[in-house]
Amino acid sequence: MKIPKPMFLSLLVLAFGVMTAAAAEHTWVGNISDSTCGVSHLNGPMEHGKRTMSDHDCTLACVKNGGKFVFVHSGKVYSIANQDLPALTEHAGHHVRIKADVNGDTITVSDVVMLTKKTQ
């Protein structure tokens, strides 16, 4: 069965549009955390020898002990593909605005800006 040329071109344009939309960079507000603590650092003191730590120090300690940086947005935890991005260490545990490409539950972060208010 032959597909008519106008229909083929329409399908080709549609497929290109879907691929472009999937690769688009998004801007989100949330927190840089770690795969051990995820959404909350409430278990931090137990995990770190009963020491009280800031979210920043807890995140760095968990990553040093084998955890991975993650991004938490609206209670959902996203894996971060580019773990070597220096801004992740700098803003570990902070409330941030990021720019990132999304692929399912994994993001590739291109920019991180620390926010001063939780409502931004």
PDB file of N, CA and C in Angstrom:
ATOM      1  N   MET A   1       0.843  -1.174   0.000  1.00  0.00           N
ATOM      2  CA  MET A   1       0.000   0.000   0.000  1.00  0.00           C
ATOM      3  C   MET A   1       0.891   1.240   0.000  1.00  0.00           C
ATOM      4  N   LYS A   2       0.621   2.141  -0.899  1.00  0.00           N
ATOM      5  CA  LYS A   2       1.376   3.372  -1.005  1.00  0.00           C
ATOM      6  C   LYS A   2       0.709   4.480  -0.208  1.00  0.00           C
ATOM      7  N   ILE A   3       1.509   5.225   0.529  1.00  0.00           N
ATOM      8  CA  ILE A   3       0.988   6.369   1.279  1.00  0.00           C
ATOM      9  C   ILE A   3       1.032   7.588   0.353  1.00  0.00           C
ATOM     10  N   PRO A   4      -0.082   8.312   0.235  1.00  0.00           N
ATOM     11  CA  PRO A   4      -0.085   9.509  -0.604  1.00  0.00           C
ATOM     12  C   PRO A   4       0.966  10.520  -0.103  1.00  0.00           C
ATOM     13  N   LYS A   5       1.602  11.196  -1.033  1.00  0.00           N
ATOM     14  CA  LYS A   5       2.684  12.122  -0.712  1.00  0.00           C
ATOM     15  C   LYS A   5       2.281  13.196   0.310  1.00  0.00           C
ATOM     16  N   PRO A   6       1.119  13.851   0.195  1.00  0.00           N
ATOM     17  CA  PRO A   6       0.742  14.859   1.196  1.00  0.00           C
ATOM     18  C   PRO A   6       0.606  14.263   2.598  1.00  0.00           C
ATOM     19  N   MET A   7       0.073  13.045   2.694  1.00  0.00           N
ATOM     20  CA  MET A   7      -0.080  12.408   3.995  1.00  0.00           C
ATOM     21  C   MET A   7       1.293  12.054   4.571  1.00  0.00           C
ATOM     22  N   PHE A   8       2.192  11.554   3.733  1.00  0.00           N
ATOM     23  CA  PHE A   8       3.540  11.217   4.172  1.00  0.00           C
ATOM     24  C   PHE A   8       4.249  12.449   4.713  1.00  0.00           C
ATOM     25  N   LEU A   9       4.146  13.567   4.000  1.00  0.00           N
ATOM     26  CA  LEU A   9       4.787  14.804   4.448  1.00  0.00           C
ATOM     27  C   LEU A   9       4.186  15.299   5.760  1.00  0.00           C
ATOM     28  N   SER A  10       2.879  15.168   5.919  1.00  0.00           N
ATOM     29  CA  SER A  10       2.219  15.567   7.163  1.00  0.00           C
ATOM     30  C   SER A  10       2.718  14.722   8.337  1.00  0.00           C
ATOM     31  N   LEU A  11       2.833  13.421   8.120  1.00  0.00           N
ATOM     32  CA  LEU A  11       3.335  12.530   9.163  1.00  0.00           C
ATOM     33  C   LEU A  11       4.789  12.851   9.504  1.00  0.00           C
ATOM     34  N   LEU A  12       5.568  13.166   8.501  1.00  0.00           N
ATOM     35  CA  LEU A  12       6.972  13.521   8.723  1.00  0.00           C
ATOM     36  C   LEU A  12       7.093  14.796   9.550  1.00  0.00           C
ATOM     37  N   VAL A  13       6.305  15.801   9.231  1.00  0.00           N
ATOM     38  CA  VAL A  13       6.308  17.062   9.985  1.00  0.00           C
ATOM     39  C   VAL A  13       5.840  16.817  11.414  1.00  0.00           C
ATOM     40  N   LEU A  14       4.810  16.011  11.605  1.00  0.00           N
ATOM     41  CA  LEU A  14       4.299  15.685  12.931  1.00  0.00           C
ATOM     42  C   LEU A  14       5.371  14.963  13.758  1.00  0.00           C
ATOM     43  N   ALA A  15       6.040  13.997  13.172  1.00  0.00           N
ATOM     44  CA  ALA A  15       7.088  13.251  13.884  1.00  0.00           C
ATOM     45  C   ALA A  15       8.226  14.176  14.290  1.00  0.00           C
ATOM     46  N   PHE A  16       8.628  15.073  13.400  1.00  0.00           N
ATOM     47  CA  PHE A  16       9.695  16.025  13.723  1.00  0.00           C
ATOM     48  C   PHE A  16       9.270  16.940  14.868  1.00  0.00           C
ATOM     49  N   GLY A  17       8.006  17.375  14.856  1.00  0.00           N
ATOM     50  CA  GLY A  17       7.490  18.237  15.921  1.00  0.00           C
ATOM     51  C   GLY A  17       7.494  17.545  17.271  1.00  0.00           C
ATOM     52  N   VAL A  18       7.122  16.284  17.310  1.00  0.00           N
ATOM     53  CA  VAL A  18       7.121  15.514  18.554  1.00  0.00           C
ATOM     54  C   VAL A  18       8.550  15.354  19.075  1.00  0.00           C
ATOM     55  N   MET A  19       9.492  15.047  18.200  1.00  0.00           N
ATOM     56  CA  MET A  19      10.894  14.894  18.627  1.00  0.00           C
ATOM     57  C   MET A  19      11.442  16.213  19.147  1.00  0.00           C
ATOM     58  N   THR A  20      11.105  17.310  18.498  1.00  0.00           N
ATOM     59  CA  THR A  20      11.588  18.614  18.925  1.00  0.00           C
ATOM     60  C   THR A  20      10.996  18.984  20.271  1.00  0.00           C
ATOM     61  N   ALA A  21       9.713  18.731  20.465  1.00  0.00           N
ATOM     62  CA  ALA A  21       9.061  19.059  21.735  1.00  0.00           C
ATOM     63  C   ALA A  21       9.635  18.223  22.867  1.00  0.00           C
ATOM     64  N   ALA A  22       9.950  16.975  22.629  1.00  0.00           N
ATOM     65  CA  ALA A  22      10.496  16.108  23.674  1.00  0.00           C
ATOM     66  C   ALA A  22      11.887  16.545  24.101  1.00  0.00           C
ATOM     67  N   ALA A  23      12.624  17.150  23.191  1.00  0.00           N
ATOM     68  CA  ALA A  23      13.987  17.562  23.504  1.00  0.00           C
ATOM     69  C   ALA A  23      14.061  18.996  24.001  1.00  0.00           C
ATOM     70  N   ALA A  24      12.932  19.672  24.136  1.00  0.00           N
ATOM     71  CA  ALA A  24      12.917  21.077  24.527  1.00  0.00           C
ATOM     72  C   ALA A  24      13.382  21.251  25.969  1.00  0.00           C
ATOM     73  N   GLU A  25      14.056  22.352  26.198  1.00  0.00           N
ATOM     74  CA  GLU A  25      14.537  22.670  27.535  1.00  0.00           C
ATOM     75  C   GLU A  25      13.379  23.231  28.363  1.00  0.00           C
ATOM     76  N   HIS A  26      13.273  22.788  29.607  1.00  0.00           N
ATOM     77  CA  HIS A  26      12.227  23.241  30.519  1.00  0.00           C
ATOM     78  C   HIS A  26      12.874  24.019  31.668  1.00  0.00           C
ATOM     79  N   THR A  27      12.104  24.894  32.275  1.00  0.00           N
ATOM     80  CA  THR A  27      12.539  25.619  33.466  1.00  0.00           C
ATOM     81  C   THR A  27      11.643  25.195  34.619  1.00  0.00           C
ATOM     82  N   TRP A  28      12.275  24.776  35.729  1.00  0.00           N
ATOM     83  CA  TRP A  28      11.539  24.305  36.895  1.00  0.00           C
ATOM     84  C   TRP A  28      12.101  24.908  38.172  1.00  0.00           C
ATOM     85  N   VAL A  29      11.264  24.937  39.195  1.00  0.00           N
ATOM     86  CA  VAL A  29      11.672  25.360  40.532  1.00  0.00           C
ATOM     87  C   VAL A  29      11.555  24.143  41.448  1.00  0.00           C
ATOM     88  N   GLY A  30      12.577  23.926  42.263  1.00  0.00           N
ATOM     89  CA  GLY A  30      12.571  22.802  43.191  1.00  0.00           C
ATOM     90  C   GLY A  30      13.837  22.794  44.013  1.00  0.00           C
ATOM     91  N   ASN A  31      14.286  21.615  44.417  1.00  0.00           N
ATOM     92  CA  ASN A  31      15.461  21.483  45.282  1.00  0.00           C
ATOM     93  C   ASN A  31      16.451  20.476  44.721  1.00  0.00           C
ATOM     94  N   ILE A  32      17.731  20.791  44.872  1.00  0.00           N
ATOM     95  CA  ILE A  32      18.782  19.829  44.563  1.00  0.00           C
ATOM     96  C   ILE A  32      18.941  18.970  45.813  1.00  0.00           C
ATOM     97  N   SER A  33      18.741  17.683  45.664  1.00  0.00           N
ATOM     98  CA  SER A  33      18.850  16.759  46.790  1.00  0.00           C
ATOM     99  C   SER A  33      19.752  15.600  46.379  1.00  0.00           C
ATOM    100  N   ASP A  34      19.611  14.489  47.086  1.00  0.00           N
ATOM    101  CA  ASP A  34      20.415  13.307  46.779  1.00  0.00           C
ATOM    102  C   ASP A  34      19.514  12.082  46.751  1.00  0.00           C
ATOM    103  N   SER A  35      19.997  11.034  46.106  1.00  0.00           N
ATOM    104  CA  SER A  35      19.187   9.823  45.930  1.00  0.00           C
ATOM    105  C   SER A  35      18.956   9.072  47.235  1.00  0.00           C
ATOM    106  N   THR A  36      19.736   9.317  48.252  1.00  0.00           N
ATOM    107  CA  THR A  36      19.535   8.668  49.546  1.00  0.00           C
ATOM    108  C   THR A  36      18.366   9.300  50.299  1.00  0.00           C
ATOM    109  N   CYS A  37      18.342  10.622  50.363  1.00  0.00           N
ATOM    110  CA  CYS A  37      17.299  11.335  51.108  1.00  0.00           C
ATOM    111  C   CYS A  37      16.080  11.657  50.254  1.00  0.00           C
ATOM    112  N   GLY A  38      16.284  11.900  48.966  1.00  0.00           N
ATOM    113  CA  GLY A  38      15.161  12.209  48.077  1.00  0.00           C
ATOM    114  C   GLY A  38      14.461  13.496  48.445  1.00  0.00           C
ATOM    115  N   VAL A  39      13.160  13.392  48.732  1.00  0.00           N
ATOM    116  CA  VAL A  39      12.334  14.564  48.993  1.00  0.00           C
ATOM    117  C   VAL A  39      12.685  15.238  50.317  1.00  0.00           C
ATOM    118  N   SER A  40      13.056  14.475  51.331  1.00  0.00           N
ATOM    119  CA  SER A  40      13.244  15.041  52.673  1.00  0.00           C
ATOM    120  C   SER A  40      14.574  14.619  53.291  1.00  0.00           C
ATOM    121  N   HIS A  41      15.188  15.537  53.987  1.00  0.00           N
ATOM    122  CA  HIS A  41      16.435  15.258  54.705  1.00  0.00           C
ATOM    123  C   HIS A  41      16.171  14.982  56.183  1.00  0.00           C
ATOM    124  N   LEU A  42      14.959  14.574  56.519  1.00  0.00           N
ATOM    125  CA  LEU A  42      14.609  14.339  57.914  1.00  0.00           C
ATOM    126  C   LEU A  42      15.433  13.224  58.546  1.00  0.00           C
ATOM    127  N   ASN A  43      15.880  12.253  57.742  1.00  0.00           N
ATOM    128  CA  ASN A  43      16.683  11.152  58.276  1.00  0.00           C
ATOM    129  C   ASN A  43      18.161  11.489  58.322  1.00  0.00           C
ATOM    130  N   GLY A  44      18.530  12.675  57.885  1.00  0.00           N
ATOM    131  CA  GLY A  44      19.930  13.084  57.837  1.00  0.00           C
ATOM    132  C   GLY A  44      20.717  12.840  59.109  1.00  0.00           C
ATOM    133  N   PRO A  45      20.239  13.319  60.281  1.00  0.00           N
ATOM    134  CA  PRO A  45      21.017  13.090  61.502  1.00  0.00           C
ATOM    135  C   PRO A  45      21.259  11.623  61.808  1.00  0.00           C
ATOM    136  N   MET A  46      20.305  10.753  61.487  1.00  0.00           N
ATOM    137  CA  MET A  46      20.488   9.320  61.729  1.00  0.00           C
ATOM    138  C   MET A  46      21.529   8.749  60.766  1.00  0.00           C
ATOM    139  N   GLU A  47      21.479   9.204  59.524  1.00  0.00           N
ATOM    140  CA  GLU A  47      22.396   8.718  58.501  1.00  0.00           C
ATOM    141  C   GLU A  47      23.824   9.197  58.724  1.00  0.00           C
ATOM    142  N   HIS A  48      23.984  10.313  59.400  1.00  0.00           N
ATOM    143  CA  HIS A  48      25.296  10.939  59.523  1.00  0.00           C
ATOM    144  C   HIS A  48      25.786  10.972  60.972  1.00  0.00           C
ATOM    145  N   GLY A  49      25.684   9.883  61.647  1.00  0.00           N
ATOM    146  CA  GLY A  49      26.210   9.770  62.995  1.00  0.00           C
ATOM    147  C   GLY A  49      25.528  10.668  64.006  1.00  0.00           C
ATOM    148  N   LYS A  50      24.227  10.858  63.859  1.00  0.00           N
ATOM    149  CA  LYS A  50      23.402  11.651  64.774  1.00  0.00           C
ATOM    150  C   LYS A  50      23.820  13.114  64.844  1.00  0.00           C
ATOM    151  N   ARG A  51      24.586  13.571  63.847  1.00  0.00           N
ATOM    152  CA  ARG A  51      24.937  14.991  63.758  1.00  0.00           C
ATOM    153  C   ARG A  51      23.811  15.725  63.063  1.00  0.00           C
ATOM    154  N   THR A  52      23.531  16.929  63.522  1.00  0.00           N
ATOM    155  CA  THR A  52      22.569  17.771  62.828  1.00  0.00           C
ATOM    156  C   THR A  52      23.297  18.461  61.689  1.00  0.00           C
ATOM    157  N   MET A  53      22.725  18.373  60.491  1.00  0.00           N
ATOM    158  CA  MET A  53      23.353  18.957  59.306  1.00  0.00           C
ATOM    159  C   MET A  53      22.347  19.804  58.550  1.00  0.00           C
ATOM    160  N   SER A  54      22.864  20.776  57.826  1.00  0.00           N
ATOM    161  CA  SER A  54      22.016  21.525  56.905  1.00  0.00           C
ATOM    162  C   SER A  54      21.684  20.613  55.724  1.00  0.00           C
ATOM    163  N   ASP A  55      20.668  20.980  54.960  1.00  0.00           N
ATOM    164  CA  ASP A  55      20.323  20.204  53.762  1.00  0.00           C
ATOM    165  C   ASP A  55      21.504  20.174  52.791  1.00  0.00           C
ATOM    166  N   HIS A  56      22.236  21.284  52.719  1.00  0.00           N
ATOM    167  CA  HIS A  56      23.414  21.361  51.843  1.00  0.00           C
ATOM    168  C   HIS A  56      24.460  20.323  52.259  1.00  0.00           C
ATOM    169  N   ASP A  57      24.813  20.323  53.543  1.00  0.00           N
ATOM    170  CA  ASP A  57      25.834  19.391  54.034  1.00  0.00           C
ATOM    171  C   ASP A  57      25.363  17.938  53.958  1.00  0.00           C
ATOM    172  N   CYS A  58      24.089  17.706  54.226  1.00  0.00           N
ATOM    173  CA  CYS A  58      23.532  16.350  54.150  1.00  0.00           C
ATOM    174  C   CYS A  58      23.617  15.828  52.717  1.00  0.00           C
ATOM    175  N   THR A  59      23.215  16.668  51.754  1.00  0.00           N
ATOM    176  CA  THR A  59      23.258  16.263  50.347  1.00  0.00           C
ATOM    177  C   THR A  59      24.679  15.924  49.929  1.00  0.00           C
ATOM    178  N   LEU A  60      25.622  16.785  50.283  1.00  0.00           N
ATOM    179  CA  LEU A  60      27.025  16.533  49.918  1.00  0.00           C
ATOM    180  C   LEU A  60      27.560  15.268  50.583  1.00  0.00           C
ATOM    181  N   ALA A  61      27.200  15.044  51.840  1.00  0.00           N
ATOM    182  CA  ALA A  61      27.651  13.837  52.543  1.00  0.00           C
ATOM    183  C   ALA A  61      27.078  12.577  51.897  1.00  0.00           C
ATOM    184  N   CYS A  62      25.799  12.621  51.534  1.00  0.00           N
ATOM    185  CA  CYS A  62      25.177  11.454  50.909  1.00  0.00           C
ATOM    186  C   CYS A  62      25.789  11.171  49.537  1.00  0.00           C
ATOM    187  N   VAL A  63      26.083  12.221  48.772  1.00  0.00           N
ATOM    188  CA  VAL A  63      26.709  12.034  47.459  1.00  0.00           C
ATOM    189  C   VAL A  63      28.126  11.498  47.635  1.00  0.00           C
ATOM    190  N   LYS A  64      28.837  12.001  48.627  1.00  0.00           N
ATOM    191  CA  LYS A  64      30.202  11.513  48.898  1.00  0.00           C
ATOM    192  C   LYS A  64      30.183  10.024  49.255  1.00  0.00           C
ATOM    193  N   ASN A  65      29.096   9.582  49.898  1.00  0.00           N
ATOM    194  CA  ASN A  65      28.972   8.181  50.315  1.00  0.00           C
ATOM    195  C   ASN A  65      28.295   7.304  49.262  1.00  0.00           C
ATOM    196  N   GLY A  66      28.235   7.780  48.008  1.00  0.00           N
ATOM    197  CA  GLY A  66      27.730   6.937  46.930  1.00  0.00           C
ATOM    198  C   GLY A  66      26.377   7.309  46.370  1.00  0.00           C
ATOM    199  N   GLY A  67      25.698   8.267  46.987  1.00  0.00           N
ATOM    200  CA  GLY A  67      24.417   8.719  46.451  1.00  0.00           C
ATOM    201  C   GLY A  67      24.634   9.550  45.195  1.00  0.00           C
ATOM    202  N   LYS A  68      23.571   9.868  44.523  1.00  0.00           N
ATOM    203  CA  LYS A  68      23.605  10.690  43.314  1.00  0.00           C
ATOM    204  C   LYS A  68      22.787  11.951  43.556  1.00  0.00           C
ATOM    205  N   PHE A  69      23.171  13.045  42.883  1.00  0.00           N
ATOM    206  CA  PHE A  69      22.354  14.244  42.920  1.00  0.00           C
ATOM    207  C   PHE A  69      21.033  13.954  42.221  1.00  0.00           C
ATOM    208  N   VAL A  70      19.940  14.505  42.774  1.00  0.00           N
ATOM    209  CA  VAL A  70      18.622  14.421  42.159  1.00  0.00           C
ATOM    210  C   VAL A  70      17.979  15.800  42.235  1.00  0.00           C
ATOM    211  N   PHE A  71      16.915  15.991  41.459  1.00  0.00           N
ATOM    212  CA  PHE A  71      16.154  17.232  41.510  1.00  0.00           C
ATOM    213  C   PHE A  71      14.751  16.894  41.964  1.00  0.00           C
ATOM    214  N   VAL A  72      14.240  17.623  42.972  1.00  0.00           N
ATOM    215  CA  VAL A  72      12.904  17.377  43.512  1.00  0.00           C
ATOM    216  C   VAL A  72      12.000  18.543  43.112  1.00  0.00           C
ATOM    217  N   HIS A  73      10.948  18.213  42.370  1.00  0.00           N
ATOM    218  CA  HIS A  73       9.986  19.220  41.910  1.00  0.00           C
ATOM    219  C   HIS A  73       8.578  18.726  42.237  1.00  0.00           C
ATOM    220  N   SER A  74       7.854  19.483  43.043  1.00  0.00           N
ATOM    221  CA  SER A  74       6.471  19.141  43.413  1.00  0.00           C
ATOM    222  C   SER A  74       6.354  17.715  43.944  1.00  0.00           C
ATOM    223  N   GLY A  75       7.311  17.311  44.771  1.00  0.00           N
ATOM    224  CA  GLY A  75       7.278  15.987  45.384  1.00  0.00           C
ATOM    225  C   GLY A  75       7.770  14.854  44.508  1.00  0.00           C
ATOM    226  N   LYS A  76       8.112  15.127  43.255  1.00  0.00           N
ATOM    227  CA  LYS A  76       8.628  14.102  42.343  1.00  0.00           C
ATOM    228  C   LYS A  76      10.151  14.225  42.261  1.00  0.00           C
ATOM    229  N   VAL A  77      10.815  13.090  42.304  1.00  0.00           N
ATOM    230  CA  VAL A  77      12.275  13.047  42.265  1.00  0.00           C
ATOM    231  C   VAL A  77      12.736  12.681  40.856  1.00  0.00           C
ATOM    232  N   TYR A  78      13.586  13.541  40.273  1.00  0.00           N
ATOM    233  CA  TYR A  78      14.146  13.306  38.942  1.00  0.00           C
ATOM    234  C   TYR A  78      15.632  12.993  39.060  1.00  0.00           C
ATOM    235  N   SER A  79      16.074  11.951  38.392  1.00  0.00           N
ATOM    236  CA  SER A  79      17.503  11.648  38.314  1.00  0.00           C
ATOM    237  C   SER A  79      18.169  12.721  37.456  1.00  0.00           C
ATOM    238  N   ILE A  80      19.423  13.015  37.763  1.00  0.00           N
ATOM    239  CA  ILE A  80      20.184  13.988  36.984  1.00  0.00           C
ATOM    240  C   ILE A  80      21.260  13.247  36.222  1.00  0.00           C
ATOM    241  N   ALA A  81      21.242  13.391  34.901  1.00  0.00           N
ATOM    242  CA  ALA A  81      22.184  12.666  34.039  1.00  0.00           C
ATOM    243  C   ALA A  81      23.606  13.198  34.163  1.00  0.00           C
ATOM    244  N   ASN A  82      23.765  14.509  34.224  1.00  0.00           N
ATOM    245  CA  ASN A  82      25.104  15.111  34.239  1.00  0.00           C
ATOM    246  C   ASN A  82      25.534  15.420  35.676  1.00  0.00           C
ATOM    247  N   GLN A  83      25.922  14.361  36.391  1.00  0.00           N
ATOM    248  CA  GLN A  83      26.314  14.454  37.796  1.00  0.00           C
ATOM    249  C   GLN A  83      27.551  15.320  38.037  1.00  0.00           C
ATOM    250  N   ASP A  84      28.367  15.533  37.015  1.00  0.00           N
ATOM    251  CA  ASP A  84      29.615  16.273  37.185  1.00  0.00           C
ATOM    252  C   ASP A  84      29.439  17.791  37.035  1.00  0.00           C
ATOM    253  N   LEU A  85      28.216  18.287  36.859  1.00  0.00           N
ATOM    254  CA  LEU A  85      27.966  19.713  36.740  1.00  0.00           C
ATOM    255  C   LEU A  85      28.339  20.407  38.061  1.00  0.00           C
ATOM    256  N   PRO A  86      29.307  21.342  38.052  1.00  0.00           N
ATOM    257  CA  PRO A  86      29.759  21.996  39.292  1.00  0.00           C
ATOM    258  C   PRO A  86      28.640  22.688  40.072  1.00  0.00           C
ATOM    259  N   ALA A  87      27.637  23.197  39.383  1.00  0.00           N
ATOM    260  CA  ALA A  87      26.535  23.886  40.062  1.00  0.00           C
ATOM    261  C   ALA A  87      25.757  22.957  40.990  1.00  0.00           C
ATOM    262  N   LEU A  88      25.777  21.658  40.744  1.00  0.00           N
ATOM    263  CA  LEU A  88      25.079  20.716  41.623  1.00  0.00           C
ATOM    264  C   LEU A  88      25.734  20.687  43.002  1.00  0.00           C
ATOM    265  N   THR A  89      27.047  20.675  43.037  1.00  0.00           N
ATOM    266  CA  THR A  89      27.769  20.705  44.320  1.00  0.00           C
ATOM    267  C   THR A  89      27.558  22.054  45.001  1.00  0.00           C
ATOM    268  N   GLU A  90      27.660  23.112  44.231  1.00  0.00           N
ATOM    269  CA  GLU A  90      27.505  24.467  44.782  1.00  0.00           C
ATOM    270  C   GLU A  90      26.114  24.667  45.387  1.00  0.00           C
ATOM    271  N   HIS A  91      25.076  24.152  44.740  1.00  0.00           N
ATOM    272  CA  HIS A  91      23.705  24.391  45.183  1.00  0.00           C
ATOM    273  C   HIS A  91      23.046  23.161  45.811  1.00  0.00           C
ATOM    274  N   ALA A  92      23.847  22.203  46.244  1.00  0.00           N
ATOM    275  CA  ALA A  92      23.316  21.004  46.906  1.00  0.00           C
ATOM    276  C   ALA A  92      22.440  21.409  48.084  1.00  0.00           C
ATOM    277  N   GLY A  93      21.245  20.838  48.154  1.00  0.00           N
ATOM    278  CA  GLY A  93      20.335  21.121  49.255  1.00  0.00           C
ATOM    279  C   GLY A  93      19.604  22.446  49.148  1.00  0.00           C
ATOM    280  N   HIS A  94      19.864  23.220  48.122  1.00  0.00           N
ATOM    281  CA  HIS A  94      19.254  24.548  47.982  1.00  0.00           C
ATOM    282  C   HIS A  94      17.973  24.513  47.163  1.00  0.00           C
ATOM    283  N   HIS A  95      17.151  25.545  47.390  1.00  0.00           N
ATOM    284  CA  HIS A  95      15.951  25.785  46.595  1.00  0.00           C
ATOM    285  C   HIS A  95      16.403  26.557  45.364  1.00  0.00           C
ATOM    286  N   VAL A  96      16.129  26.005  44.175  1.00  0.00           N
ATOM    287  CA  VAL A  96      16.710  26.545  42.944  1.00  0.00           C
ATOM    288  C   VAL A  96      15.690  26.598  41.804  1.00  0.00           C
ATOM    289  N   ARG A  97      16.078  27.345  40.778  1.00  0.00           N
ATOM    290  CA  ARG A  97      15.400  27.304  39.486  1.00  0.00           C
ATOM    291  C   ARG A  97      16.412  26.698  38.521  1.00  0.00           C
ATOM    292  N   ILE A  98      15.996  25.671  37.793  1.00  0.00           N
ATOM    293  CA  ILE A  98      16.904  25.021  36.849  1.00  0.00           C
ATOM    294  C   ILE A  98      16.349  25.097  35.435  1.00  0.00           C
ATOM    295  N   LYS A  99      17.252  24.991  34.483  1.00  0.00           N
ATOM    296  CA  LYS A  99      16.893  24.748  33.091  1.00  0.00           C
ATOM    297  C   LYS A  99      17.439  23.367  32.778  1.00  0.00           C
ATOM    298  N   ALA A 100      16.597  22.531  32.171  1.00  0.00           N
ATOM    299  CA  ALA A 100      17.011  21.149  31.934  1.00  0.00           C
ATOM    300  C   ALA A 100      16.246  20.537  30.777  1.00  0.00           C
ATOM    301  N   ASP A 101      16.905  19.624  30.079  1.00  0.00           N
ATOM    302  CA  ASP A 101      16.252  18.774  29.093  1.00  0.00           C
ATOM    303  C   ASP A 101      15.696  17.569  29.840  1.00  0.00           C
ATOM    304  N   VAL A 102      14.522  17.123  29.448  1.00  0.00           N
ATOM    305  CA  VAL A 102      13.837  16.033  30.139  1.00  0.00           C
ATOM    306  C   VAL A 102      13.750  14.815  29.240  1.00  0.00           C
ATOM    307  N   ASN A 103      14.041  13.648  29.841  1.00  0.00           N
ATOM    308  CA  ASN A 103      13.866  12.378  29.151  1.00  0.00           C
ATOM    309  C   ASN A 103      13.278  11.407  30.165  1.00  0.00           C
ATOM    310  N   GLY A 104      11.957  11.337  30.219  1.00  0.00           N
ATOM    311  CA  GLY A 104      11.286  10.499  31.213  1.00  0.00           C
ATOM    312  C   GLY A 104      11.492  11.057  32.606  1.00  0.00           C
ATOM    313  N   ASP A 105      12.084  10.247  33.496  1.00  0.00           N
ATOM    314  CA  ASP A 105      12.361  10.677  34.872  1.00  0.00           C
ATOM    315  C   ASP A 105      13.800  11.153  35.050  1.00  0.00           C
ATOM    316  N   THR A 106      14.497  11.376  33.938  1.00  0.00           N
ATOM    317  CA  THR A 106      15.887  11.822  33.994  1.00  0.00           C
ATOM    318  C   THR A 106      16.001  13.177  33.306  1.00  0.00           C
ATOM    319  N   ILE A 107      16.761  14.066  33.935  1.00  0.00           N
ATOM    320  CA  ILE A 107      16.966  15.385  33.357  1.00  0.00           C
ATOM    321  C   ILE A 107      18.455  15.634  33.162  1.00  0.00           C
ATOM    322  N   THR A 108      18.769  16.486  32.204  1.00  0.00           N
ATOM    323  CA  THR A 108      20.132  16.958  31.991  1.00  0.00           C
ATOM    324  C   THR A 108      20.101  18.453  32.244  1.00  0.00           C
ATOM    325  N   VAL A 109      20.740  18.879  33.311  1.00  0.00           N
ATOM    326  CA  VAL A 109      20.671  20.262  33.779  1.00  0.00           C
ATOM    327  C   VAL A 109      21.676  21.120  33.011  1.00  0.00           C
ATOM    328  N   SER A 110      21.209  22.299  32.566  1.00  0.00           N
ATOM    329  CA  SER A 110      22.104  23.229  31.871  1.00  0.00           C
ATOM    330  C   SER A 110      22.358  24.498  32.678  1.00  0.00           C
ATOM    331  N   ASP A 111      21.462  24.825  33.622  1.00  0.00           N
ATOM    332  CA  ASP A 111      21.627  26.048  34.400  1.00  0.00           C
ATOM    333  C   ASP A 111      20.952  25.878  35.750  1.00  0.00           C
ATOM    334  N   VAL A 112      21.592  26.418  36.807  1.00  0.00           N
ATOM    335  CA  VAL A 112      21.047  26.363  38.159  1.00  0.00           C
ATOM    336  C   VAL A 112      21.185  27.746  38.780  1.00  0.00           C
ATOM    337  N   VAL A 113      20.073  28.276  39.312  1.00  0.00           N
ATOM    338  CA  VAL A 113      20.086  29.574  39.988  1.00  0.00           C
ATOM    339  C   VAL A 113      19.426  29.372  41.354  1.00  0.00           C
ATOM    340  N   MET A 114      20.142  29.761  42.418  1.00  0.00           N
ATOM    341  CA  MET A 114      19.585  29.638  43.766  1.00  0.00           C
ATOM    342  C   MET A 114      18.525  30.712  43.983  1.00  0.00           C
ATOM    343  N   LEU A 115      17.413  30.314  44.592  1.00  0.00           N
ATOM    344  CA  LEU A 115      16.319  31.228  44.899  1.00  0.00           C
ATOM    345  C   LEU A 115      16.344  31.563  46.377  1.00  0.00           C
ATOM    346  N   THR A 116      15.895  32.752  46.694  1.00  0.00           N
ATOM    347  CA  THR A 116      15.896  33.174  48.100  1.00  0.00           C
ATOM    348  C   THR A 116      14.586  32.888  48.795  1.00  0.00           C
ATOM    349  N   LYS A 117      13.500  32.726  48.033  1.00  0.00           N
ATOM    350  CA  LYS A 117      12.198  32.465  48.629  1.00  0.00           C
ATOM    351  C   LYS A 117      11.636  31.153  48.090  1.00  0.00           C
ATOM    352  N   LYS A 118      10.962  30.388  48.930  1.00  0.00           N
ATOM    353  CA  LYS A 118      10.358  29.122  48.528  1.00  0.00           C
ATOM    354  C   LYS A 118       9.211  29.315  47.541  1.00  0.00           C
ATOM    355  N   THR A 119       8.629  30.493  47.467  1.00  0.00           N
ATOM    356  CA  THR A 119       7.456  30.701  46.630  1.00  0.00           C
ATOM    357  C   THR A 119       7.811  31.037  45.179  1.00  0.00           C
ATOM    358  N   GLN A 120       9.061  31.236  44.839  1.00  0.00           N
ATOM    359  CA  GLN A 120       9.424  31.624  43.472  1.00  0.00           C
ATOM    360  C   GLN A 120       9.376  30.471  42.526  1.00  0.00           C
TER     361      GLN A 120
END
